[in-house]
Amino acid sequence: MRVSFKQMIPQEFCLKCRGCCRFSRQDSVWQPHLLEEEKSEVAKIQIVPAPGGNDFICGNLSSGDNKCKIYANRPFECRFYPFLFDRKKKKVFLALDPNCAFVRENNKNLEFEEYTRSLIELVQNKGYLDILKNNPFLAQEYEGVKDLIELKV
């Protein structure tokens, strides 16, 4: 079963950005994790050394043209970003990464605010809460994110 929701960020915007899919450490908390049901559909996500640098990139990212090799079938966490699930001790929050260039440019935009409200409502329904219960690794301890609402997982 593919988890679906309307994605806000246009692909064209992401192709111009050089922020996502790049990590300072190979074991970064920011790397995407696969839902149990995605493990048979999506190639394993590997974090590999970036060409010519000390950083790391997702193995599915073509660094030359900034395109994802599995874009049409990318994991839930990749489609969900810049939203994510943030863990603080035993609490889980829907959070937003303010470092995302799209967020920085659009966070005061009425359409983005409406989208955020609709996503807050969506992730509080039983189906999404069950996803979190069945995939607890989706909630990571992120630094520098904006917690939007605590989820009753």
N, C-alpha and C. Protein backbone atom coordinates (compact mmCIF):
# COMPACT_ATOMS: atom_id res chain seq x y z
N MET A 1 0.83 -1.18 0.00
CA MET A 1 0.00 0.00 0.00
C MET A 1 0.88 1.25 0.00
N ARG A 2 0.67 2.12 -0.91
CA ARG A 2 1.43 3.37 -1.03
C ARG A 2 0.73 4.45 -0.21
N VAL A 3 1.45 5.08 0.70
CA VAL A 3 0.92 6.16 1.50
C VAL A 3 0.81 7.38 0.60
N SER A 4 -0.39 7.96 0.52
CA SER A 4 -0.54 9.08 -0.41
C SER A 4 -0.98 10.35 0.30
N PHE A 5 -0.59 11.45 -0.28
CA PHE A 5 -0.96 12.79 0.15
C PHE A 5 -0.50 13.73 -0.95
N LYS A 6 -1.09 14.91 -0.98
CA LYS A 6 -0.70 15.91 -1.97
C LYS A 6 0.65 16.50 -1.56
N GLN A 7 1.61 16.45 -2.46
CA GLN A 7 2.93 17.02 -2.16
C GLN A 7 2.95 18.48 -2.58
N MET A 8 3.53 19.31 -1.74
CA MET A 8 3.51 20.76 -1.95
C MET A 8 4.65 21.27 -2.83
N ILE A 9 5.82 20.71 -2.68
CA ILE A 9 7.00 21.26 -3.34
C ILE A 9 7.10 20.74 -4.77
N PRO A 10 7.14 21.63 -5.74
CA PRO A 10 7.27 21.19 -7.14
C PRO A 10 8.65 20.57 -7.40
N GLN A 11 8.68 19.54 -8.23
CA GLN A 11 9.93 18.86 -8.56
C GLN A 11 10.96 19.84 -9.12
N GLU A 12 10.52 20.80 -9.90
CA GLU A 12 11.43 21.76 -10.50
C GLU A 12 12.21 22.55 -9.44
N PHE A 13 11.53 22.86 -8.34
CA PHE A 13 12.20 23.58 -7.25
C PHE A 13 13.29 22.70 -6.65
N CYS A 14 12.97 21.45 -6.42
CA CYS A 14 13.93 20.52 -5.80
C CYS A 14 15.16 20.32 -6.69
N LEU A 15 14.95 20.29 -8.01
CA LEU A 15 16.07 20.07 -8.92
C LEU A 15 17.09 21.21 -8.87
N LYS A 16 16.64 22.41 -8.51
CA LYS A 16 17.53 23.57 -8.42
C LYS A 16 18.26 23.63 -7.08
N CYS A 17 17.70 22.97 -6.07
CA CYS A 17 18.25 23.02 -4.72
C CYS A 17 19.37 21.98 -4.56
N ARG A 18 20.32 22.28 -3.76
CA ARG A 18 21.41 21.34 -3.48
C ARG A 18 21.47 21.03 -1.99
N GLY A 19 20.28 20.94 -1.36
CA GLY A 19 20.23 20.72 0.08
C GLY A 19 19.87 19.28 0.45
N CYS A 20 18.80 18.78 -0.09
CA CYS A 20 18.34 17.44 0.27
C CYS A 20 19.28 16.36 -0.24
N CYS A 21 19.15 15.20 0.35
CA CYS A 21 19.86 14.01 -0.11
C CYS A 21 21.37 14.10 0.12
N ARG A 22 21.79 15.07 0.91
CA ARG A 22 23.20 15.28 1.23
C ARG A 22 23.34 15.27 2.75
N PHE A 23 24.42 14.66 3.21
CA PHE A 23 24.57 14.45 4.65
C PHE A 23 26.00 14.70 5.09
N SER A 24 26.14 15.19 6.30
CA SER A 24 27.49 15.43 6.82
C SER A 24 28.12 14.15 7.34
N ARG A 25 27.27 13.16 7.67
CA ARG A 25 27.77 11.87 8.18
C ARG A 25 27.07 10.73 7.46
N GLN A 26 27.74 9.63 7.32
CA GLN A 26 27.15 8.48 6.64
C GLN A 26 25.99 7.90 7.43
N ASP A 27 26.03 8.00 8.75
CA ASP A 27 24.95 7.48 9.58
C ASP A 27 24.01 8.60 10.05
N SER A 28 23.80 9.58 9.21
CA SER A 28 22.99 10.76 9.55
C SER A 28 21.55 10.39 9.89
N VAL A 29 21.02 11.06 10.89
CA VAL A 29 19.62 10.88 11.28
C VAL A 29 18.69 11.34 10.15
N TRP A 30 19.20 12.18 9.25
CA TRP A 30 18.41 12.75 8.16
C TRP A 30 18.21 11.78 6.99
N GLN A 31 18.96 10.69 6.94
CA GLN A 31 18.79 9.78 5.82
C GLN A 31 17.40 9.15 5.85
N PRO A 32 16.80 8.90 4.69
CA PRO A 32 15.45 8.34 4.67
C PRO A 32 15.42 6.89 5.15
N HIS A 33 14.32 6.58 5.80
CA HIS A 33 14.07 5.22 6.28
C HIS A 33 12.87 4.68 5.50
N LEU A 34 12.89 3.42 5.20
CA LEU A 34 11.81 2.81 4.42
C LEU A 34 10.72 2.27 5.34
N LEU A 35 9.45 2.52 4.96
CA LEU A 35 8.33 1.88 5.64
C LEU A 35 8.42 0.39 5.39
N GLU A 36 7.86 -0.39 6.28
CA GLU A 36 7.90 -1.84 6.10
C GLU A 36 7.38 -2.25 4.72
N GLU A 37 6.26 -1.64 4.28
CA GLU A 37 5.68 -2.01 2.99
C GLU A 37 6.50 -1.52 1.80
N GLU A 38 7.41 -0.57 2.02
CA GLU A 38 8.26 -0.07 0.93
C GLU A 38 9.48 -0.95 0.71
N LYS A 39 9.84 -1.73 1.69
CA LYS A 39 11.08 -2.50 1.61
C LYS A 39 11.09 -3.47 0.43
N SER A 40 9.92 -3.91 -0.02
CA SER A 40 9.89 -4.80 -1.19
C SER A 40 9.74 -4.01 -2.49
N GLU A 41 9.31 -2.73 -2.40
CA GLU A 41 9.06 -1.92 -3.59
C GLU A 41 10.23 -1.02 -3.98
N VAL A 42 10.97 -0.54 -3.01
CA VAL A 42 12.00 0.48 -3.23
C VAL A 42 13.37 -0.15 -3.03
N ALA A 43 14.28 0.23 -3.89
CA ALA A 43 15.66 -0.23 -3.71
C ALA A 43 16.17 0.27 -2.36
N LYS A 44 17.05 -0.47 -1.77
CA LYS A 44 17.62 -0.07 -0.49
C LYS A 44 18.25 1.32 -0.62
N ILE A 45 18.06 2.12 0.41
CA ILE A 45 18.65 3.46 0.42
C ILE A 45 20.04 3.34 1.02
N GLN A 46 21.04 3.71 0.22
CA GLN A 46 22.42 3.67 0.70
C GLN A 46 22.99 5.08 0.69
N ILE A 47 23.75 5.39 1.70
CA ILE A 47 24.43 6.68 1.80
C ILE A 47 25.88 6.43 1.41
N VAL A 48 26.34 7.16 0.41
CA VAL A 48 27.67 6.93 -0.15
C VAL A 48 28.49 8.22 -0.11
N PRO A 49 29.82 8.12 -0.18
CA PRO A 49 30.64 9.34 -0.21
C PRO A 49 30.29 10.20 -1.43
N ALA A 50 30.22 11.50 -1.20
CA ALA A 50 29.94 12.44 -2.30
C ALA A 50 31.18 12.57 -3.17
N PRO A 51 30.99 12.72 -4.46
CA PRO A 51 32.15 12.90 -5.34
C PRO A 51 32.96 14.15 -4.93
N GLY A 52 34.24 13.96 -4.75
CA GLY A 52 35.15 15.06 -4.48
C GLY A 52 34.96 15.80 -3.18
N GLY A 53 34.45 15.14 -2.16
CA GLY A 53 34.25 15.86 -0.91
C GLY A 53 34.28 14.95 0.30
N ASN A 54 34.08 15.55 1.44
CA ASN A 54 34.06 14.80 2.69
C ASN A 54 32.65 14.48 3.14
N ASP A 55 31.65 14.94 2.39
CA ASP A 55 30.26 14.71 2.75
C ASP A 55 29.76 13.42 2.11
N PHE A 56 28.47 13.15 2.31
CA PHE A 56 27.84 11.94 1.79
C PHE A 56 26.56 12.32 1.07
N ILE A 57 26.13 11.47 0.15
CA ILE A 57 24.89 11.68 -0.57
C ILE A 57 24.10 10.38 -0.60
N CYS A 58 22.83 10.50 -0.91
CA CYS A 58 22.01 9.31 -1.13
C CYS A 58 22.51 8.64 -2.40
N GLY A 59 22.65 7.34 -2.38
CA GLY A 59 23.12 6.61 -3.55
C GLY A 59 22.20 6.70 -4.75
N ASN A 60 20.97 7.17 -4.53
CA ASN A 60 20.01 7.33 -5.63
C ASN A 60 20.06 8.72 -6.25
N LEU A 61 20.91 9.59 -5.72
CA LEU A 61 21.03 10.95 -6.24
C LEU A 61 22.13 11.00 -7.29
N SER A 62 21.78 11.51 -8.45
CA SER A 62 22.77 11.75 -9.48
C SER A 62 23.31 13.16 -9.23
N SER A 63 24.53 13.25 -8.72
CA SER A 63 25.07 14.55 -8.31
C SER A 63 25.28 15.50 -9.48
N GLY A 64 25.44 14.98 -10.67
CA GLY A 64 25.65 15.83 -11.84
C GLY A 64 24.43 16.68 -12.18
N ASP A 65 23.26 16.05 -12.26
CA ASP A 65 22.05 16.80 -12.63
C ASP A 65 21.08 16.95 -11.46
N ASN A 66 21.45 16.48 -10.28
CA ASN A 66 20.66 16.62 -9.06
C ASN A 66 19.32 15.87 -9.13
N LYS A 67 19.25 14.84 -9.96
CA LYS A 67 18.01 14.08 -10.11
C LYS A 67 18.08 12.80 -9.29
N CYS A 68 16.91 12.43 -8.78
CA CYS A 68 16.76 11.19 -8.04
C CYS A 68 16.48 10.06 -9.03
N LYS A 69 17.25 9.00 -8.93
CA LYS A 69 17.10 7.87 -9.86
C LYS A 69 15.80 7.12 -9.62
N ILE A 70 15.21 7.27 -8.43
CA ILE A 70 13.97 6.55 -8.10
C ILE A 70 12.84 7.54 -7.78
N TYR A 71 12.90 8.73 -8.35
CA TYR A 71 11.96 9.81 -8.00
C TYR A 71 10.50 9.35 -8.04
N ALA A 72 10.09 8.66 -9.08
CA ALA A 72 8.69 8.24 -9.21
C ALA A 72 8.29 7.24 -8.14
N ASN A 73 9.25 6.55 -7.57
CA ASN A 73 8.96 5.52 -6.56
C ASN A 73 9.75 5.79 -5.27
N ARG A 74 10.04 7.06 -4.99
CA ARG A 74 10.84 7.37 -3.81
C ARG A 74 10.05 7.09 -2.53
N PRO A 75 10.78 6.85 -1.45
CA PRO A 75 10.13 6.49 -0.19
C PRO A 75 9.25 7.60 0.38
N PHE A 76 8.36 7.20 1.26
CA PHE A 76 7.46 8.12 1.95
C PHE A 76 8.21 9.30 2.55
N GLU A 77 9.29 9.04 3.28
CA GLU A 77 10.01 10.13 3.93
C GLU A 77 10.53 11.16 2.93
N CYS A 78 10.93 10.73 1.77
CA CYS A 78 11.41 11.65 0.73
C CYS A 78 10.26 12.50 0.19
N ARG A 79 9.11 11.87 0.01
CA ARG A 79 7.94 12.60 -0.49
C ARG A 79 7.38 13.53 0.59
N PHE A 80 7.52 13.17 1.84
CA PHE A 80 6.96 13.90 2.97
C PHE A 80 7.79 15.14 3.33
N TYR A 81 9.09 15.09 3.07
CA TYR A 81 9.99 16.20 3.41
C TYR A 81 9.53 17.48 2.71
N PRO A 82 9.57 18.62 3.36
CA PRO A 82 10.31 19.06 4.55
C PRO A 82 9.60 18.80 5.87
N PHE A 83 8.51 18.05 5.82
CA PHE A 83 7.85 17.64 7.05
C PHE A 83 8.48 16.33 7.49
N LEU A 84 8.51 16.09 8.77
CA LEU A 84 9.09 14.87 9.32
C LEU A 84 8.52 14.63 10.70
N PHE A 85 8.85 13.49 11.25
CA PHE A 85 8.39 13.13 12.59
C PHE A 85 9.56 13.24 13.55
N ASP A 86 9.43 14.11 14.50
CA ASP A 86 10.49 14.43 15.45
C ASP A 86 10.18 13.78 16.80
N ARG A 87 11.18 13.10 17.35
CA ARG A 87 11.02 12.46 18.66
C ARG A 87 11.76 13.30 19.70
N LYS A 88 11.04 13.59 20.78
CA LYS A 88 11.62 14.25 21.94
C LYS A 88 11.27 13.37 23.14
N LYS A 89 12.26 12.61 23.60
CA LYS A 89 12.06 11.61 24.66
C LYS A 89 10.97 10.65 24.20
N LYS A 90 9.84 10.59 24.90
CA LYS A 90 8.79 9.64 24.52
C LYS A 90 7.67 10.28 23.70
N LYS A 91 7.85 11.54 23.35
CA LYS A 91 6.83 12.25 22.57
C LYS A 91 7.23 12.30 21.10
N VAL A 92 6.21 12.30 20.22
CA VAL A 92 6.44 12.39 18.79
C VAL A 92 5.66 13.59 18.26
N PHE A 93 6.32 14.37 17.41
CA PHE A 93 5.73 15.57 16.85
C PHE A 93 5.78 15.53 15.33
N LEU A 94 4.78 16.13 14.69
CA LEU A 94 4.93 16.48 13.29
C LEU A 94 5.79 17.73 13.31
N ALA A 95 6.84 17.74 12.51
CA ALA A 95 7.78 18.86 12.53
C ALA A 95 8.05 19.32 11.10
N LEU A 96 8.67 20.48 11.01
CA LEU A 96 9.02 21.10 9.74
C LEU A 96 10.48 21.51 9.79
N ASP A 97 11.20 21.22 8.71
CA ASP A 97 12.61 21.61 8.65
C ASP A 97 12.72 23.03 8.09
N PRO A 98 13.04 24.02 8.94
CA PRO A 98 13.14 25.40 8.47
C PRO A 98 14.35 25.65 7.58
N ASN A 99 15.26 24.67 7.46
CA ASN A 99 16.43 24.82 6.60
C ASN A 99 16.13 24.51 5.14
N CYS A 100 14.97 23.96 4.86
CA CYS A 100 14.57 23.68 3.48
C CYS A 100 14.38 25.02 2.77
N ALA A 101 14.98 25.17 1.60
CA ALA A 101 14.90 26.42 0.84
C ALA A 101 13.45 26.77 0.49
N PHE A 102 12.64 25.77 0.17
CA PHE A 102 11.24 26.03 -0.16
C PHE A 102 10.50 26.59 1.05
N VAL A 103 10.77 26.04 2.21
CA VAL A 103 10.15 26.52 3.45
C VAL A 103 10.57 27.96 3.71
N ARG A 104 11.86 28.23 3.58
CA ARG A 104 12.35 29.59 3.82
C ARG A 104 11.67 30.60 2.90
N GLU A 105 11.43 30.21 1.64
CA GLU A 105 10.83 31.12 0.67
C GLU A 105 9.31 31.22 0.79
N ASN A 106 8.68 30.19 1.35
CA ASN A 106 7.22 30.12 1.31
C ASN A 106 6.52 30.03 2.66
N ASN A 107 7.26 30.05 3.77
CA ASN A 107 6.62 29.79 5.06
C ASN A 107 5.59 30.85 5.46
N LYS A 108 5.61 32.01 4.87
CA LYS A 108 4.60 33.04 5.16
C LYS A 108 3.50 33.07 4.10
N ASN A 109 3.63 32.23 3.10
CA ASN A 109 2.69 32.14 2.00
C ASN A 109 1.40 31.47 2.49
N LEU A 110 0.24 32.05 2.17
CA LEU A 110 -1.05 31.52 2.62
C LEU A 110 -1.26 30.08 2.14
N GLU A 111 -0.88 29.78 0.90
CA GLU A 111 -1.05 28.43 0.37
C GLU A 111 -0.23 27.42 1.18
N PHE A 112 0.99 27.79 1.54
CA PHE A 112 1.83 26.90 2.34
C PHE A 112 1.25 26.72 3.75
N GLU A 113 0.74 27.79 4.33
CA GLU A 113 0.11 27.70 5.65
C GLU A 113 -1.11 26.79 5.62
N GLU A 114 -1.92 26.89 4.56
CA GLU A 114 -3.10 26.02 4.41
C GLU A 114 -2.67 24.56 4.22
N TYR A 115 -1.64 24.35 3.42
CA TYR A 115 -1.13 23.00 3.22
C TYR A 115 -0.65 22.41 4.54
N THR A 116 0.07 23.20 5.32
CA THR A 116 0.57 22.74 6.61
C THR A 116 -0.59 22.35 7.52
N ARG A 117 -1.63 23.17 7.56
CA ARG A 117 -2.80 22.85 8.39
C ARG A 117 -3.46 21.55 7.93
N SER A 118 -3.57 21.37 6.61
CA SER A 118 -4.19 20.14 6.11
C SER A 118 -3.34 18.91 6.43
N LEU A 119 -2.02 19.07 6.39
CA LEU A 119 -1.13 17.96 6.73
C LEU A 119 -1.21 17.63 8.23
N ILE A 120 -1.34 18.66 9.06
CA ILE A 120 -1.51 18.45 10.50
C ILE A 120 -2.76 17.61 10.74
N GLU A 121 -3.86 17.93 10.06
CA GLU A 121 -5.09 17.15 10.21
C GLU A 121 -4.89 15.72 9.70
N LEU A 122 -4.25 15.58 8.56
CA LEU A 122 -4.06 14.27 7.94
C LEU A 122 -3.27 13.32 8.84
N VAL A 123 -2.17 13.79 9.41
CA VAL A 123 -1.31 12.88 10.19
C VAL A 123 -1.90 12.53 11.55
N GLN A 124 -2.99 13.19 11.92
CA GLN A 124 -3.64 12.85 13.19
C GLN A 124 -4.71 11.78 13.01
N ASN A 125 -4.97 11.37 11.75
CA ASN A 125 -5.98 10.34 11.58
C ASN A 125 -5.38 8.96 11.87
N LYS A 126 -6.25 8.01 12.13
CA LYS A 126 -5.81 6.68 12.56
C LYS A 126 -4.84 6.02 11.59
N GLY A 127 -5.06 6.18 10.30
CA GLY A 127 -4.18 5.55 9.31
C GLY A 127 -2.74 6.00 9.45
N TYR A 128 -2.52 7.29 9.60
CA TYR A 128 -1.16 7.81 9.75
C TYR A 128 -0.58 7.47 11.11
N LEU A 129 -1.41 7.52 12.14
CA LEU A 129 -0.92 7.15 13.47
C LEU A 129 -0.52 5.68 13.49
N ASP A 130 -1.25 4.85 12.75
CA ASP A 130 -0.88 3.43 12.64
C ASP A 130 0.45 3.26 11.90
N ILE A 131 0.68 4.09 10.89
CA ILE A 131 1.96 4.04 10.17
C ILE A 131 3.10 4.30 11.16
N LEU A 132 2.93 5.31 11.99
CA LEU A 132 3.96 5.63 12.99
C LEU A 132 4.12 4.52 14.01
N LYS A 133 3.02 3.92 14.43
CA LYS A 133 3.10 2.81 15.39
C LYS A 133 3.82 1.62 14.79
N ASN A 134 3.56 1.34 13.52
CA ASN A 134 4.16 0.19 12.84
C ASN A 134 5.57 0.45 12.33
N ASN A 135 5.96 1.72 12.27
CA ASN A 135 7.28 2.12 11.77
C ASN A 135 7.89 3.15 12.73
N PRO A 136 8.15 2.77 13.99
CA PRO A 136 8.60 3.75 14.98
C PRO A 136 9.92 4.45 14.62
N PHE A 137 10.71 3.86 13.74
CA PHE A 137 11.98 4.45 13.32
C PHE A 137 11.78 5.71 12.47
N LEU A 138 10.53 5.98 12.02
CA LEU A 138 10.27 7.21 11.27
C LEU A 138 10.46 8.44 12.15
N ALA A 139 10.24 8.28 13.45
CA ALA A 139 10.40 9.40 14.38
C ALA A 139 11.83 9.38 14.90
N GLN A 140 12.59 10.38 14.48
CA GLN A 140 13.99 10.50 14.88
C GLN A 140 14.16 11.76 15.72
N GLU A 141 15.28 11.86 16.41
CA GLU A 141 15.59 13.07 17.18
C GLU A 141 16.35 14.04 16.28
N TYR A 142 15.61 14.98 15.71
CA TYR A 142 16.19 15.96 14.80
C TYR A 142 16.52 17.23 15.57
N GLU A 143 17.61 17.87 15.18
CA GLU A 143 17.96 19.16 15.77
C GLU A 143 17.57 20.26 14.80
N GLY A 144 17.10 21.37 15.34
CA GLY A 144 16.84 22.55 14.53
C GLY A 144 15.54 22.52 13.76
N VAL A 145 14.63 21.59 14.08
CA VAL A 145 13.35 21.55 13.38
C VAL A 145 12.30 22.28 14.20
N LYS A 146 11.21 22.63 13.55
CA LYS A 146 10.10 23.31 14.22
C LYS A 146 8.99 22.29 14.46
N ASP A 147 8.76 21.94 15.72
CA ASP A 147 7.68 21.03 16.06
C ASP A 147 6.35 21.75 15.90
N LEU A 148 5.44 21.13 15.15
CA LEU A 148 4.14 21.76 14.86
C LEU A 148 3.04 21.28 15.78
N ILE A 149 2.98 19.98 16.03
CA ILE A 149 1.94 19.42 16.89
C ILE A 149 2.40 18.07 17.42
N GLU A 150 2.07 17.80 18.67
CA GLU A 150 2.38 16.49 19.25
C GLU A 150 1.36 15.49 18.73
N LEU A 151 1.85 14.32 18.35
CA LEU A 151 0.99 13.26 17.85
C LEU A 151 0.79 12.22 18.95
N LYS A 152 -0.41 11.74 19.09
CA LYS A 152 -0.74 10.75 20.13
C LYS A 152 -0.51 9.35 19.59
N VAL A 153 0.74 8.96 19.57
CA VAL A 153 1.13 7.65 19.02
C VAL A 153 1.12 6.63 20.14
